[in-house]
Protein backbone atom coordinates (compact mmCIF):
# COMPACT_ATOMS: atom_id res chain seq x y z
CA MET A 1 48.70 55.82 -72.55
CA GLU A 2 47.72 52.23 -72.03
CA LEU A 3 45.23 50.92 -69.50
CA ARG A 4 45.06 47.16 -69.31
CA ALA A 5 43.37 44.29 -67.50
CA ASP A 6 44.59 40.74 -68.09
CA GLY A 7 46.48 42.00 -71.12
CA PHE A 8 43.58 43.72 -72.90
CA ASN A 9 43.26 47.39 -73.81
CA LEU A 10 40.28 48.85 -72.00
CA LEU A 11 40.44 52.62 -72.37
CA ASN A 12 42.06 55.07 -74.71
CA SER A 13 42.07 57.99 -72.28
CA GLN A 14 44.71 58.63 -69.63
CA ASN A 15 42.23 60.40 -67.37
CA TYR A 16 40.51 57.40 -65.84
CA TYR A 17 41.17 54.40 -63.65
CA SER A 18 42.33 51.21 -65.28
CA PHE A 19 41.35 47.85 -63.85
CA ASN A 20 44.76 47.14 -62.33
CA THR A 21 46.11 50.70 -62.61
CA VAL A 22 49.00 49.83 -64.91
CA TYR A 23 49.85 53.08 -66.62
CA GLY A 24 52.19 53.93 -69.44
CA ASN A 25 52.28 57.69 -69.73
CA GLY A 26 55.54 58.66 -71.35
CA GLY A 27 57.34 58.66 -68.01
CA ASN A 28 54.88 61.10 -66.45
CA PRO A 29 53.29 60.29 -63.10
CA ALA A 30 49.99 58.45 -63.29
CA PRO A 31 46.91 60.54 -62.57
CA THR A 32 45.31 60.13 -59.18
CA PHE A 33 41.65 60.11 -58.26
CA PRO A 34 39.64 60.63 -55.10
CA ARG A 35 38.94 57.65 -52.88
CA PRO A 36 36.67 57.46 -49.82
CA LEU A 37 38.06 59.62 -47.02
CA GLY A 38 39.75 57.51 -44.40
CA ALA A 39 40.64 53.85 -44.70
CA LEU A 40 37.98 51.39 -45.69
CA GLN A 41 39.96 48.24 -45.04
CA MET A 42 38.38 44.83 -45.44
CA SER A 43 39.57 41.32 -45.87
CA ILE A 44 37.28 38.96 -47.71
CA ARG A 45 37.26 35.24 -47.27
CA ARG A 46 35.53 33.13 -49.88
CA ALA A 47 35.86 29.37 -49.72
CA SER A 48 34.11 29.20 -53.09
CA LEU A 49 32.51 31.61 -55.52
CA ARG A 50 29.41 29.45 -55.15
CA SER A 51 29.08 30.35 -51.49
CA GLU A 52 28.14 33.56 -49.76
CA PRO A 53 31.15 35.84 -49.17
CA SER A 54 32.26 36.48 -45.61
CA PHE A 55 33.55 39.96 -44.83
CA CYS A 56 35.80 40.92 -41.95
CA PHE A 57 36.05 44.65 -41.42
CA ASP A 58 38.96 46.13 -39.54
CA ARG A 59 38.11 48.43 -36.67
CA GLY A 60 39.45 51.31 -38.74
CA MET A 61 36.98 50.68 -41.57
CA ILE A 62 35.03 53.88 -40.98
CA ALA A 63 37.37 56.75 -40.27
CA SER A 64 36.51 60.40 -39.97
CA GLY A 65 34.19 61.27 -42.85
CA ALA A 66 34.47 57.82 -44.41
CA GLY A 67 32.19 54.92 -45.08
CA GLU A 68 28.47 55.17 -44.61
CA ASP A 69 28.65 58.55 -42.88
CA SER A 70 30.22 60.22 -45.91
CA ILE A 71 26.97 60.59 -47.85
CA GLY A 72 24.80 62.93 -45.85
CA ARG A 73 22.51 64.11 -48.62
CA SER A 74 19.42 62.99 -50.47
CA VAL A 75 19.84 60.70 -53.46
CA ASP A 76 17.73 61.39 -56.54
CA LEU A 77 19.42 59.10 -59.06
CA LEU A 78 20.41 55.47 -58.51
CA VAL A 79 22.63 53.88 -61.17
CA PHE A 80 22.77 50.08 -60.90
CA ASP A 81 25.16 47.56 -62.29
CA LEU A 82 23.31 44.49 -63.63
CA ASP A 83 25.06 41.11 -63.23
CA GLY A 84 25.90 40.47 -59.60
CA THR A 85 23.93 43.50 -58.41
CA LEU A 86 20.34 43.19 -59.63
CA ILE A 87 20.43 39.72 -61.19
CA ASP A 88 22.08 36.37 -60.45
CA SER A 89 23.03 35.32 -63.96
CA LYS A 90 26.06 33.19 -63.14
CA LEU A 91 24.80 29.81 -64.29
CA ASP A 92 23.35 31.00 -67.60
CA LEU A 93 26.59 32.83 -68.37
CA ALA A 94 28.74 29.82 -67.48
CA ASN A 95 26.58 27.50 -69.58
CA ALA A 96 26.78 29.87 -72.55
CA VAL A 97 30.56 30.18 -72.24
CA ASN A 98 31.10 26.44 -72.05
CA THR A 99 28.74 25.81 -74.97
CA THR A 100 30.79 28.35 -76.91
CA ARG A 101 34.00 26.58 -75.98
CA ALA A 102 32.51 23.27 -77.12
CA GLN A 103 31.57 24.91 -80.42
CA MET A 104 35.22 25.93 -80.78
CA GLY A 105 36.47 22.42 -79.95
CA LEU A 106 37.58 23.24 -76.41
CA GLU A 107 36.91 21.54 -73.09
CA ALA A 108 34.64 23.06 -70.47
CA LEU A 109 35.96 25.42 -67.82
CA GLU A 110 35.03 25.32 -64.16
CA ASN A 111 32.05 27.59 -63.50
CA GLU A 112 33.90 29.40 -60.73
CA LEU A 113 36.63 30.44 -63.16
CA ILE A 114 34.07 31.75 -65.63
CA TYR A 115 32.38 33.78 -62.91
CA SER A 116 35.68 35.56 -62.26
CA TYR A 117 35.77 36.64 -65.92
CA VAL A 118 32.41 38.46 -65.78
CA GLY A 119 32.10 42.23 -65.52
CA ASN A 120 34.11 43.79 -68.32
CA GLY A 121 31.79 43.01 -71.24
CA ALA A 122 31.20 40.08 -73.59
CA PRO A 123 34.32 40.59 -75.77
CA VAL A 124 36.64 40.46 -72.76
CA LEU A 125 34.70 37.51 -71.31
CA ILE A 126 35.15 35.48 -74.49
CA ARG A 127 38.81 36.45 -74.90
CA ARG A 128 39.50 35.28 -71.38
CA ALA A 129 37.43 32.11 -71.84
CA LEU A 130 39.28 31.14 -75.03
CA GLY A 131 42.72 31.89 -73.63
CA PRO A 132 45.73 33.75 -75.03
CA ALA A 133 46.31 31.25 -77.86
CA ALA A 134 43.03 32.18 -79.62
CA SER A 135 43.35 34.33 -82.72
CA GLU A 136 41.27 37.45 -83.25
CA THR A 137 39.31 35.59 -85.95
CA GLU A 138 38.53 32.80 -83.49
CA VAL A 139 37.54 35.29 -80.80
CA GLN A 140 35.12 37.07 -83.13
CA LYS A 141 33.59 33.79 -84.31
CA ALA A 142 33.15 32.62 -80.72
CA LEU A 143 31.76 35.99 -79.64
CA GLN A 144 29.11 35.90 -82.36
CA PHE A 145 28.07 32.38 -81.31
CA PHE A 146 28.11 33.27 -77.61
CA ILE A 147 25.87 36.32 -77.99
CA ALA A 148 23.31 34.43 -80.10
CA TYR A 149 23.28 31.42 -77.78
CA TYR A 150 23.15 33.46 -74.60
CA HIS A 151 20.30 35.58 -75.93
CA GLU A 152 18.25 32.42 -76.53
CA HIS A 153 19.05 30.97 -73.09
CA ARG A 154 19.26 34.17 -71.06
CA LEU A 155 16.49 33.35 -68.58
CA GLU A 156 16.85 29.62 -67.98
CA HIS A 157 18.35 30.13 -64.52
CA THR A 158 18.75 33.91 -64.19
CA ARG A 159 16.71 35.56 -61.46
CA LEU A 160 16.53 38.77 -59.47
CA TYR A 161 18.37 38.60 -56.19
CA ASP A 162 16.13 38.32 -53.16
CA GLY A 163 14.61 41.65 -52.22
CA VAL A 164 15.56 43.46 -55.42
CA ARG A 165 12.05 43.70 -56.90
CA GLU A 166 10.58 45.05 -53.68
CA SER A 167 13.48 47.46 -53.23
CA LEU A 168 13.10 48.87 -56.73
CA ASP A 169 9.43 49.50 -55.99
CA ARG A 170 10.34 51.35 -52.82
CA PHE A 171 13.01 53.43 -54.55
CA LEU A 172 10.43 54.54 -57.10
CA GLY A 173 8.00 55.25 -54.29
CA GLN A 174 10.56 57.66 -52.85
CA GLY A 175 10.60 59.53 -56.16
CA MET A 176 14.05 58.41 -57.28
CA ARG A 177 15.11 57.99 -60.90
CA LEU A 178 16.56 54.54 -61.59
CA ALA A 179 18.95 53.50 -64.35
CA VAL A 180 21.10 50.52 -65.29
CA LEU A 181 24.69 50.88 -66.49
CA THR A 182 26.27 47.55 -67.40
CA ASN A 183 29.06 46.29 -69.64
CA LYS A 184 26.69 43.61 -70.93
CA PRO A 185 25.27 44.27 -74.43
CA VAL A 186 22.27 46.56 -74.15
CA ARG A 187 19.78 44.45 -76.13
CA ILE A 188 20.15 41.38 -73.97
CA SER A 189 20.30 43.48 -70.80
CA THR A 190 16.98 45.06 -71.67
CA ALA A 191 15.47 41.70 -72.62
CA ILE A 192 16.51 40.16 -69.30
CA LEU A 193 15.08 43.00 -67.22
CA GLU A 194 11.86 42.99 -69.20
CA GLY A 195 11.64 39.21 -68.91
CA LEU A 196 12.01 39.47 -65.15
CA GLY A 197 9.26 42.08 -65.02
CA VAL A 198 11.31 45.11 -63.94
CA GLY A 199 12.29 46.75 -67.21
CA SER A 200 9.81 49.58 -66.74
CA HIS A 201 11.38 50.55 -63.41
CA PHE A 202 14.34 52.16 -65.23
CA PHE A 203 14.21 55.36 -67.23
CA ARG A 204 17.39 54.26 -69.05
CA ILE A 205 19.22 50.98 -69.58
CA TYR A 206 22.70 51.41 -71.01
CA GLY A 207 24.97 48.53 -71.97
CA GLY A 208 28.53 47.90 -72.99
CA ASN A 209 27.78 48.79 -76.61
CA SER A 210 25.75 51.93 -75.86
CA PHE A 211 28.85 54.16 -75.96
CA ASP A 212 32.32 54.07 -77.45
CA GLN A 213 33.75 53.27 -74.00
CA LYS A 214 32.70 50.78 -71.34
CA LYS A 215 32.91 51.06 -67.59
CA PRO A 216 35.04 52.20 -65.80
CA HIS A 217 34.92 55.10 -68.25
CA PRO A 218 32.41 57.61 -66.80
CA ILE A 219 30.60 58.40 -70.05
CA GLY A 220 27.53 56.37 -69.06
CA ILE A 221 27.10 58.13 -65.73
CA GLU A 222 27.76 61.51 -67.33
CA ARG A 223 25.00 60.85 -69.87
CA LEU A 224 22.57 59.70 -67.18
CA LEU A 225 23.24 62.78 -65.06
CA GLU A 226 22.58 64.97 -68.08
CA GLU A 227 19.40 63.15 -69.08
CA ALA A 228 18.00 63.08 -65.55
CA ALA A 229 19.03 66.73 -64.97
CA ILE A 230 20.42 65.71 -61.57
CA GLU A 231 23.57 67.01 -59.89
CA ARG A 232 26.29 64.41 -59.42
CA SER A 233 26.23 65.06 -55.66
CA ARG A 234 22.71 63.59 -55.64
CA ALA A 235 23.54 60.42 -57.55
CA LEU A 236 24.71 57.03 -56.27
CA MET A 237 26.27 54.08 -58.11
CA VAL A 238 25.41 50.58 -56.85
CA GLY A 239 27.55 47.62 -57.90
CA ASP A 240 29.34 44.43 -56.93
CA SER A 241 32.89 44.95 -58.18
CA ALA A 242 35.89 47.22 -58.46
CA VAL A 243 34.77 48.10 -61.99
CA ASP A 244 31.71 49.82 -60.53
CA VAL A 245 33.74 51.57 -57.83
CA ARG A 246 36.18 52.92 -60.41
CA THR A 247 33.33 54.02 -62.65
CA ALA A 248 31.84 56.03 -59.80
CA ARG A 249 35.20 57.51 -58.84
CA ASN A 250 35.88 58.55 -62.42
CA ALA A 251 32.48 60.24 -62.58
CA GLY A 252 32.85 61.89 -59.18
CA ILE A 253 29.83 60.27 -57.52
CA PRO A 254 29.60 58.08 -54.40
CA VAL A 255 29.23 54.31 -54.65
CA CYS A 256 27.57 51.56 -52.65
CA GLY A 257 28.96 48.03 -52.90
CA VAL A 258 26.85 44.90 -52.58
CA THR A 259 28.52 41.93 -50.87
CA TYR A 260 26.42 39.18 -52.47
CA GLY A 261 27.55 39.60 -56.09
CA PHE A 262 30.19 38.17 -58.39
CA GLN A 263 33.35 39.97 -57.27
CA PRO A 264 33.01 41.59 -53.82
CA GLU A 265 36.58 40.47 -53.08
CA SER A 266 37.70 43.23 -55.45
CA PHE A 267 36.50 45.78 -52.86
CA GLU A 268 39.64 45.00 -50.88
CA THR A 269 41.72 47.06 -53.29
CA ASP A 270 38.94 49.38 -54.50
CA PRO A 271 36.70 50.09 -51.52
CA PRO A 272 33.26 51.61 -52.04
CA ASP A 273 31.92 54.30 -49.73
CA PHE A 274 29.80 51.71 -47.91
CA VAL A 275 28.47 48.21 -48.46
CA VAL A 276 25.17 46.43 -47.99
CA ASP A 277 24.46 42.71 -47.68
CA ARG A 278 20.96 42.97 -49.13
CA MET A 279 19.28 45.57 -51.32
CA GLU A 280 16.69 46.24 -48.63
CA GLN A 281 19.46 47.66 -46.46
CA LEU A 282 20.10 50.32 -49.07
CA VAL A 283 16.40 51.16 -49.08
CA SER A 284 16.48 51.70 -45.34
CA ARG A 285 19.60 53.87 -45.52
CA LEU A 286 18.16 56.07 -48.25
CA GLU A 287 14.83 56.37 -46.48
CA ARG A 288 16.65 57.45 -43.32
CA ASN A 289 18.68 59.91 -45.35
CA SER A 290 15.59 61.47 -46.94
CA ASN A 291 14.23 62.01 -43.43
CA GLY A 292 17.25 64.04 -42.39
CA GLY A 293 19.83 61.37 -41.54
CA ALA A 294 22.92 60.22 -43.34
CA VAL A 295 23.12 57.25 -45.65
């Protein structure tokens, strides 16, 4: 079986979502996976990836048992994506990509285009940034340069999104376990979180090279559930893209989407269970849930 996104192999297993759900399975029907009950339909207008996204929800967004009312239980484990969810790293990533292209004798790309490449790990980012004409040798050379350069310049412009630090404090105050699951390399992910002063908030930080498979494979969530000794019904994924939604679906846990990140437009085809515009809104929902309400 082959699961592909923009022409690149992403998973070796036929049991999980691909990024664009293009399956080759020997003529057999593609596997199906649970989605939120009801129709979470949204259209997303973005004049520019630099601007705040504008969401228009159809009146049928929350159907019976769908959307924010579908999670009526306490949450003990929060699993966060990193880029576009906890941190705004767009400019540092774009600068590192274009410096890498210059090193390879290529012209700079528009930042907005680079932002659309983020989310599937550094190797895919660099393959996309170099284009289909690049050889595997060139890709590996560029990837090595990119990782070294980005590590040195990782915190020039990167910051926590507004309200994230305070929200993480409040999650911990509610007794929740917090973890990060990103497709970014684990060493630089840890360095960024520590540099921003929130590394100690997370009992685990897993990156794209922590396991044999990256998101949307569920191995990271499965490991976190095992390590935290928490039932999957009491866990929640939080992310900004379809990759995070598919990861949660593959692992059988609910997912909250954030609208302020890199790729909220991808929620149109892969809707999360509910969305928030700011992290503080998730705090309020979970606090209400712990007091007997629904998320």
